[in-house]
Amino acid sequence: MAGESVFAPKYAHALASVVASAGLDAALAQAQLKDFAATFAGSRELREVFEDPSIPPDQKLSVLDVLAERLGMMREVRNFIAVMMDHQRLGGLHEILAAYDQVAETNRGVVEAEVTSARELNSEDRVELETQVAKLAGSAVRITYGLDRDLLGGAIVKIGSTVYDGSVRAQLMQMKRSLMTAS
């Protein structure tokens, strides 16, 4: 992730470890963290309270406890947020949440894939391609799409370090190599 802080993956892995060791529902923990992030982002007053160094930590924790109860937050998620507050990391909450999303998907066996195509793909094409990429990966996939008009047609799929080049450009290059070696 471009511009990602150094601490975000560490916090994400720490939360994933706590969730797993406590046998909690990872999707629920993720949803609760997102609920908190939305509440935090949507309330200037809440941000001011949590980020004001003149407000004692125990008062901030009291506010967090009220909020955690109102949001129905699991104790472990509440404690994780308290640690973030203690280490003044709430400003990086969205980065931590994005990193946790990736960790949670990896733990569920979801594989990252990149698809670069010559044209914008419609929803039917994407569904069909996602099915094919999932078969190639042998698991569920989360695909990031990109465009490269130089491809002429087709697509390039990258899963981890493996690249599947089904582009017209690659096919033309292969034909050119075949013709050059046939002489």
Protein backbone atom coordinates (compact mmCIF):
# COMPACT_ATOMS: atom_id res chain seq x y z
CA MET A 1 0.00 0.00 0.00
CA ALA A 2 1.57 3.26 -1.08
CA GLY A 3 2.41 5.61 1.76
CA GLU A 4 1.54 3.03 4.39
CA SER A 5 3.04 3.68 7.76
CA VAL A 6 5.52 1.27 9.28
CA PHE A 7 3.35 0.67 12.34
CA ALA A 8 0.06 -0.21 10.59
CA PRO A 9 0.98 -3.83 9.68
CA LYS A 10 2.37 -4.42 13.19
CA TYR A 11 -0.88 -3.29 14.80
CA ALA A 12 -2.93 -5.26 12.26
CA HIS A 13 -1.01 -8.47 12.96
CA ALA A 14 -1.28 -7.87 16.70
CA LEU A 15 -5.06 -7.53 16.50
CA ALA A 16 -5.32 -10.61 14.25
CA SER A 17 -3.26 -12.56 16.77
CA VAL A 18 -5.47 -11.49 19.68
CA VAL A 19 -8.64 -12.31 17.72
CA ALA A 20 -7.33 -15.74 16.73
CA SER A 21 -5.96 -16.67 20.17
CA ALA A 22 -9.24 -15.66 21.84
CA GLY A 23 -11.23 -17.65 19.28
CA LEU A 24 -13.23 -14.61 18.25
CA ASP A 25 -15.13 -14.02 15.04
CA ALA A 26 -12.61 -12.14 12.89
CA ALA A 27 -15.32 -10.63 10.67
CA LEU A 28 -17.13 -9.30 13.75
CA ALA A 29 -13.92 -7.78 15.15
CA GLN A 30 -13.30 -6.20 11.77
CA ALA A 31 -16.84 -4.79 11.64
CA GLN A 32 -16.53 -3.37 15.17
CA LEU A 33 -13.23 -1.70 14.35
CA LYS A 34 -14.84 -0.21 11.21
CA ASP A 35 -17.79 1.04 13.30
CA PHE A 36 -15.39 2.72 15.69
CA ALA A 37 -13.38 4.21 12.80
CA ALA A 38 -16.56 5.64 11.25
CA THR A 39 -17.65 7.09 14.60
CA PHE A 40 -14.18 8.52 15.23
CA ALA A 41 -13.96 10.04 11.74
CA GLY A 42 -17.46 11.47 11.98
CA SER A 43 -17.06 13.19 15.34
CA ARG A 44 -14.75 16.18 15.64
CA GLU A 45 -15.46 16.31 19.38
CA LEU A 46 -14.45 12.68 19.87
CA ARG A 47 -11.20 13.23 17.94
CA GLU A 48 -10.47 16.32 20.04
CA VAL A 49 -10.99 14.40 23.30
CA PHE A 50 -8.86 11.40 22.27
CA GLU A 51 -6.07 13.52 20.77
CA ASP A 52 -5.88 16.23 23.45
CA PRO A 53 -2.79 15.62 25.59
CA SER A 54 -4.23 17.73 28.43
CA ILE A 55 -7.09 15.25 29.01
CA PRO A 56 -5.96 12.50 31.41
CA PRO A 57 -5.77 8.97 29.98
CA ASP A 58 -8.30 7.59 32.49
CA GLN A 59 -10.90 10.12 31.29
CA LYS A 60 -10.23 9.12 27.67
CA LEU A 61 -10.70 5.48 28.64
CA SER A 62 -14.01 6.34 30.30
CA VAL A 63 -15.20 7.94 27.05
CA LEU A 64 -13.97 4.87 25.14
CA ASP A 65 -15.84 2.56 27.53
CA VAL A 66 -19.10 4.44 26.98
CA LEU A 67 -18.56 4.34 23.23
CA ALA A 68 -17.60 0.64 23.31
CA GLU A 69 -20.77 -0.21 25.20
CA ARG A 70 -22.90 1.85 22.83
CA LEU A 71 -21.32 0.13 19.80
CA GLY A 72 -21.50 -3.33 21.40
CA MET A 73 -17.76 -3.73 21.08
CA MET A 74 -15.95 -6.90 22.17
CA ARG A 75 -13.55 -6.40 25.07
CA GLU A 76 -10.55 -7.28 22.86
CA VAL A 77 -11.45 -4.68 20.23
CA ARG A 78 -11.97 -2.07 22.96
CA ASN A 79 -8.58 -2.97 24.47
CA PHE A 80 -6.92 -2.74 21.07
CA ILE A 81 -8.31 0.77 20.60
CA ALA A 82 -7.13 1.68 24.12
CA VAL A 83 -3.59 0.56 23.19
CA MET A 84 -3.78 2.65 20.02
CA MET A 85 -4.86 5.64 22.11
CA ASP A 86 -2.06 5.04 24.60
CA HIS A 87 0.51 4.97 21.78
CA GLN A 88 -1.07 7.95 20.00
CA ARG A 89 -1.88 5.89 16.90
CA LEU A 90 -5.55 6.82 16.38
CA GLY A 91 -4.46 9.16 13.59
CA GLY A 92 -3.36 6.06 11.67
CA LEU A 93 -6.60 4.19 12.32
CA HIS A 94 -7.60 3.93 8.65
CA GLU A 95 -4.16 2.60 7.69
CA ILE A 96 -4.31 0.05 10.49
CA LEU A 97 -7.82 -0.96 9.44
CA ALA A 98 -6.72 -1.39 5.81
CA ALA A 99 -3.76 -3.50 6.93
CA TYR A 100 -6.05 -5.55 9.18
CA ASP A 101 -8.43 -6.13 6.25
CA GLN A 102 -5.51 -7.63 4.32
CA VAL A 103 -4.35 -9.76 7.26
CA ALA A 104 -7.90 -11.02 7.88
CA GLU A 105 -8.35 -11.93 4.22
CA THR A 106 -5.01 -13.71 4.14
CA ASN A 107 -5.99 -15.64 7.27
CA ARG A 108 -9.26 -16.64 5.55
CA GLY A 109 -7.25 -17.83 2.53
CA VAL A 110 -8.11 -14.91 0.25
CA VAL A 111 -5.36 -14.29 -2.29
CA GLU A 112 -4.46 -10.91 -3.79
CA ALA A 113 -4.46 -10.72 -7.58
CA GLU A 114 -3.85 -7.94 -10.07
CA VAL A 115 -5.59 -7.87 -13.44
CA THR A 116 -4.44 -5.49 -16.14
CA SER A 117 -6.64 -5.28 -19.19
CA ALA A 118 -6.70 -3.30 -22.42
CA ARG A 119 -10.15 -1.89 -21.67
CA GLU A 120 -12.42 -1.26 -18.71
CA LEU A 121 -14.18 -4.51 -17.82
CA ASN A 122 -17.93 -4.58 -17.28
CA SER A 123 -19.42 -6.42 -14.29
CA GLU A 124 -20.13 -9.61 -16.28
CA ASP A 125 -16.53 -9.75 -17.51
CA ARG A 126 -15.26 -9.16 -13.98
CA VAL A 127 -17.39 -11.96 -12.51
CA GLU A 128 -16.22 -14.39 -15.19
CA LEU A 129 -12.59 -13.33 -14.77
CA GLU A 130 -12.79 -13.57 -10.97
CA THR A 131 -14.09 -17.12 -11.30
CA GLN A 132 -11.19 -18.05 -13.58
CA VAL A 133 -8.59 -16.32 -11.38
CA ALA A 134 -9.99 -18.08 -8.30
CA LYS A 135 -9.52 -21.41 -10.09
CA LEU A 136 -5.93 -20.48 -10.98
CA ALA A 137 -5.23 -19.38 -7.39
CA GLY A 138 -7.01 -22.33 -5.83
CA SER A 139 -8.77 -20.04 -3.37
CA ALA A 140 -10.93 -16.96 -3.07
CA VAL A 141 -9.33 -13.84 -4.56
CA ARG A 142 -9.45 -10.11 -4.12
CA ILE A 143 -8.65 -8.49 -7.43
CA THR A 144 -7.24 -5.06 -8.12
CA TYR A 145 -7.95 -3.91 -11.66
CA GLY A 146 -5.76 -1.75 -13.87
CA LEU A 147 -5.73 -0.56 -17.48
CA ASP A 148 -2.96 -0.68 -20.09
CA ARG A 149 -4.14 0.47 -23.50
CA ASP A 150 -0.91 -0.90 -25.06
CA LEU A 151 -2.18 -4.45 -24.53
CA LEU A 152 -4.49 -4.22 -27.57
CA GLY A 153 -6.75 -6.86 -26.02
CA GLY A 154 -6.83 -9.64 -23.43
CA ALA A 155 -5.49 -9.36 -19.92
CA ILE A 156 -2.49 -9.97 -17.70
CA VAL A 157 -3.17 -11.64 -14.35
CA LYS A 158 -0.65 -11.54 -11.52
CA ILE A 159 -1.17 -13.82 -8.51
CA GLY A 160 1.68 -13.45 -6.06
CA SER A 161 4.84 -13.70 -8.16
CA THR A 162 3.17 -15.69 -10.96
CA VAL A 163 2.12 -13.81 -14.09
CA TYR A 164 -0.39 -15.18 -16.59
CA ASP A 165 -0.11 -13.13 -19.76
CA GLY A 166 -3.17 -13.60 -21.96
CA SER A 167 -2.77 -10.29 -23.72
CA VAL A 168 -2.88 -9.90 -27.48
CA ARG A 169 0.49 -8.15 -27.25
CA ALA A 170 2.04 -11.26 -25.63
CA GLN A 171 0.45 -13.51 -28.25
CA LEU A 172 1.86 -11.34 -31.04
CA MET A 173 5.31 -11.39 -29.42
CA GLN A 174 5.13 -15.19 -29.18
CA MET A 175 4.18 -15.41 -32.86
CA LYS A 176 7.08 -13.11 -33.76
CA ARG A 177 9.54 -15.29 -31.79
CA SER A 178 8.16 -18.43 -33.48
CA LEU A 179 8.54 -16.88 -36.93
CA MET A 180 12.08 -15.68 -36.20
CA THR A 181 13.23 -19.10 -34.94
CA ALA A 182 11.51 -20.95 -37.83
CA SER A 183 13.71 -19.26 -40.46
